[in-house]
Amino acid sequence: MGYRREFEIAFVGLKPGIHEFNYEITDKFFERFQQQDFSNCKANVKLTLDKKNGFMLLKFEIGGSLMAICDRCNNELTLELWDEFNIMVKMVEEPELMNEQEDDPDVYYISRTESHIDLADWIYEFINLSIPMQKVCGLNDKSKPACNQEALDALKKMEPEETNENVNPIWKGLEKFKDLDN
């Protein structure tokens, strides 16, 4: 079976009820997508498919870890993944029209004549949504960032110093109103 077809489910042959699928996701999975800002992905995706008459409920449970770069100090750090996502897949006559009109991102339409459903795009999206927006090193035992101190010191040296030389004269005298409480 091709790597790409590994993420397709032939749901037509499934009996109504709950079915479970497990996927191991590595960096190879992301090759068909754009360049990622992480590496060494070892994610586990547990899919629970609840097949009903005319629709399916999909529950994705994402777990695992990956390597990313700290936004603050540029160190490599390991991020733990954990999240859950639910999708309702409905079978209709005109899926393209229904998908355009649907406001709920958790509802997806497919044609009644479909026999397979491809999960790869959802798995890609859900793993990326499981990554924190801000990737920073954790805290050390003194409750301070455990970032590379040399990098933080270099960044501090690059900060512009506050000087009053560049102050426009039309603002002169306004600083006396700066700390007034009403």
Protein backbone atom coordinates (compact mmCIF):
# COMPACT_ATOMS: atom_id res chain seq x y z
CA MET A 1 0.00 0.00 0.00
CA GLY A 2 1.39 3.43 -0.93
CA TYR A 3 2.25 5.82 1.86
CA ARG A 4 -0.37 8.25 0.63
CA ARG A 5 -3.14 5.64 0.52
CA GLU A 6 -2.29 4.64 4.08
CA PHE A 7 -4.42 7.57 5.27
CA GLU A 8 -7.51 6.62 3.28
CA ILE A 9 -10.37 4.69 4.82
CA ALA A 10 -12.74 2.62 2.71
CA PHE A 11 -15.78 3.41 4.84
CA VAL A 12 -18.31 1.74 2.52
CA GLY A 13 -17.25 -1.69 3.71
CA LEU A 14 -17.54 -0.74 7.38
CA LYS A 15 -20.59 -1.76 9.40
CA PRO A 16 -22.45 0.96 11.30
CA GLY A 17 -20.86 1.55 14.68
CA ILE A 18 -17.52 2.55 16.13
CA HIS A 19 -14.23 1.71 14.40
CA GLU A 20 -10.75 2.62 15.61
CA PHE A 21 -7.67 3.42 13.52
CA ASN A 22 -4.14 4.29 14.69
CA TYR A 23 -1.47 6.14 12.73
CA GLU A 24 2.21 6.74 13.48
CA ILE A 25 3.25 10.07 11.98
CA THR A 26 6.92 10.88 11.29
CA ASP A 27 8.74 13.55 9.28
CA LYS A 28 8.12 11.49 6.12
CA PHE A 29 4.40 12.32 6.35
CA PHE A 30 5.12 16.07 5.97
CA GLU A 31 7.18 15.70 2.76
CA ARG A 32 4.13 16.21 0.55
CA PHE A 33 3.28 19.43 2.37
CA GLN A 34 5.19 22.70 2.63
CA GLN A 35 8.38 23.10 4.68
CA GLN A 36 7.67 22.75 8.41
CA ASP A 37 9.20 24.75 11.26
CA PHE A 38 9.70 21.58 13.31
CA SER A 39 11.51 18.26 12.93
CA ASN A 40 11.77 14.81 14.44
CA CYS A 41 8.01 14.42 14.66
CA LYS A 42 6.84 11.31 16.48
CA ALA A 43 3.09 11.76 16.63
CA ASN A 44 0.40 9.20 17.31
CA VAL A 45 -3.04 9.76 15.88
CA LYS A 46 -5.92 7.72 17.21
CA LEU A 47 -9.02 8.01 15.06
CA THR A 48 -12.40 6.87 16.29
CA LEU A 49 -14.86 6.65 13.41
CA ASP A 50 -18.51 6.31 14.39
CA LYS A 51 -20.38 5.32 11.23
CA LYS A 52 -24.07 6.21 11.17
CA ASN A 53 -26.66 6.14 8.43
CA GLY A 54 -25.84 9.12 6.16
CA PHE A 55 -22.97 10.54 8.21
CA MET A 56 -19.84 9.72 10.21
CA LEU A 57 -18.40 11.20 13.39
CA LEU A 58 -14.60 11.35 13.41
CA LYS A 59 -12.66 11.96 16.61
CA PHE A 60 -8.92 12.57 16.24
CA GLU A 61 -6.71 12.24 19.32
CA ILE A 62 -3.23 13.66 18.72
CA GLY A 63 -0.29 12.75 20.96
CA GLY A 64 3.48 12.55 20.73
CA SER A 65 6.36 14.98 20.46
CA LEU A 66 8.46 16.98 18.01
CA MET A 67 11.50 19.24 17.97
CA ALA A 68 11.08 22.98 17.44
CA ILE A 69 13.19 26.11 17.86
CA CYS A 70 12.66 28.42 20.84
CA ASP A 71 11.22 31.75 19.70
CA ARG A 72 13.26 33.56 22.37
CA CYS A 73 16.78 32.07 22.30
CA ASN A 74 16.88 29.83 19.19
CA ASN A 75 17.61 26.65 21.20
CA GLU A 76 16.11 23.34 20.13
CA LEU A 77 13.32 22.19 22.39
CA THR A 78 11.02 19.21 22.57
CA LEU A 79 7.32 20.00 22.46
CA GLU A 80 4.70 17.54 23.63
CA LEU A 81 1.60 17.22 21.47
CA TRP A 82 -1.83 16.54 22.85
CA ASP A 83 -5.18 17.60 21.48
CA GLU A 84 -8.54 16.29 20.31
CA PHE A 85 -10.52 17.29 17.24
CA ASN A 86 -13.98 16.26 16.06
CA ILE A 87 -15.28 16.28 12.49
CA MET A 88 -18.74 15.35 11.25
CA VAL A 89 -18.73 14.01 7.69
CA LYS A 90 -22.13 14.10 6.00
CA MET A 91 -23.00 12.35 2.74
CA VAL A 92 -25.00 14.57 0.36
CA GLU A 93 -25.80 15.00 -3.34
CA GLU A 94 -23.87 18.26 -3.92
CA PRO A 95 -20.86 18.25 -1.55
CA GLU A 96 -18.95 21.10 -3.24
CA LEU A 97 -21.89 23.50 -2.86
CA MET A 98 -22.57 22.40 0.71
CA ASN A 99 -18.88 22.78 1.72
CA GLU A 100 -18.85 26.33 0.29
CA GLN A 101 -21.98 27.28 2.24
CA GLU A 102 -21.06 25.58 5.54
CA ASP A 103 -19.93 27.97 8.29
CA ASP A 104 -18.98 25.30 10.81
CA PRO A 105 -15.37 24.11 10.22
CA ASP A 106 -16.18 20.86 12.03
CA VAL A 107 -18.68 19.75 9.38
CA TYR A 108 -17.53 18.39 6.03
CA TYR A 109 -19.61 17.06 3.13
CA ILE A 110 -18.79 14.26 0.71
CA SER A 111 -20.75 12.75 -2.17
CA ARG A 112 -23.08 9.84 -1.51
CA THR A 113 -21.15 7.98 -4.23
CA GLU A 114 -17.81 8.26 -2.39
CA SER A 115 -16.33 5.06 -1.02
CA HIS A 116 -13.10 6.36 0.58
CA ILE A 117 -12.24 9.27 2.81
CA ASP A 118 -8.73 10.74 2.86
CA LEU A 119 -7.54 11.78 6.33
CA ALA A 120 -4.07 13.13 5.43
CA ASP A 121 -5.05 16.82 5.21
CA TRP A 122 -6.91 16.67 8.52
CA ILE A 123 -4.02 14.90 10.25
CA TYR A 124 -1.62 17.54 8.90
CA GLU A 125 -3.88 20.36 10.06
CA PHE A 126 -4.54 18.88 13.51
CA ILE A 127 -0.86 18.20 14.24
CA ASN A 128 -0.03 21.79 13.32
CA LEU A 129 -2.89 23.06 15.47
CA SER A 130 -1.54 21.00 18.39
CA ILE A 131 1.74 22.93 18.36
CA PRO A 132 1.73 25.93 20.72
CA MET A 133 1.70 29.34 19.04
CA GLN A 134 4.60 30.52 21.17
CA LYS A 135 7.45 28.04 21.38
CA VAL A 136 9.71 28.89 24.30
CA CYS A 137 11.99 27.03 26.66
CA GLY A 138 10.38 26.09 29.94
CA LEU A 139 11.20 27.56 33.34
CA ASN A 140 14.23 26.56 35.36
CA ASP A 141 14.19 25.81 39.09
CA LYS A 142 14.27 29.56 39.89
CA SER A 143 11.09 30.17 37.82
CA LYS A 144 13.08 32.03 35.18
CA PRO A 145 13.19 31.09 31.49
CA ALA A 146 15.58 28.18 30.86
CA CYS A 147 16.72 29.81 27.65
CA ASN A 148 20.31 30.08 26.46
CA GLN A 149 21.63 32.95 28.62
CA GLU A 150 24.27 33.95 26.06
CA ALA A 151 21.57 34.45 23.42
CA LEU A 152 19.44 36.48 25.84
CA ASP A 153 22.43 38.68 26.76
CA ALA A 154 23.19 39.27 23.06
CA LEU A 155 19.57 40.27 22.45
CA LYS A 156 19.64 42.65 25.42
CA LYS A 157 22.72 44.38 23.96
CA MET A 158 20.81 44.93 20.70
CA GLU A 159 17.91 46.72 22.39
CA PRO A 160 17.88 50.43 21.64
CA GLU A 161 18.70 52.60 24.61
CA GLU A 162 16.12 55.18 25.56
CA THR A 163 17.43 58.64 24.87
CA ASN A 164 15.71 61.96 24.94
CA GLU A 165 17.73 63.22 21.95
CA ASN A 166 15.19 62.05 19.40
CA VAL A 167 12.19 63.55 21.22
CA ASN A 168 10.23 65.92 19.04
CA PRO A 169 10.10 69.36 20.74
CA ILE A 170 6.34 69.63 20.27
CA TRP A 171 5.93 66.82 22.87
CA LYS A 172 8.23 68.52 25.39
CA GLY A 173 6.45 69.18 28.65
CA LEU A 174 3.88 66.39 28.20
CA GLU A 175 5.86 63.94 30.34
CA LYS A 176 4.57 65.73 33.47
CA PHE A 177 1.05 64.44 32.60
CA LYS A 178 2.25 60.86 32.02
CA ASP A 179 1.69 59.47 35.52
CA LEU A 180 -1.37 61.43 36.60
CA ASP A 181 -4.24 59.38 38.02
CA ASN A 182 -7.80 60.52 37.33
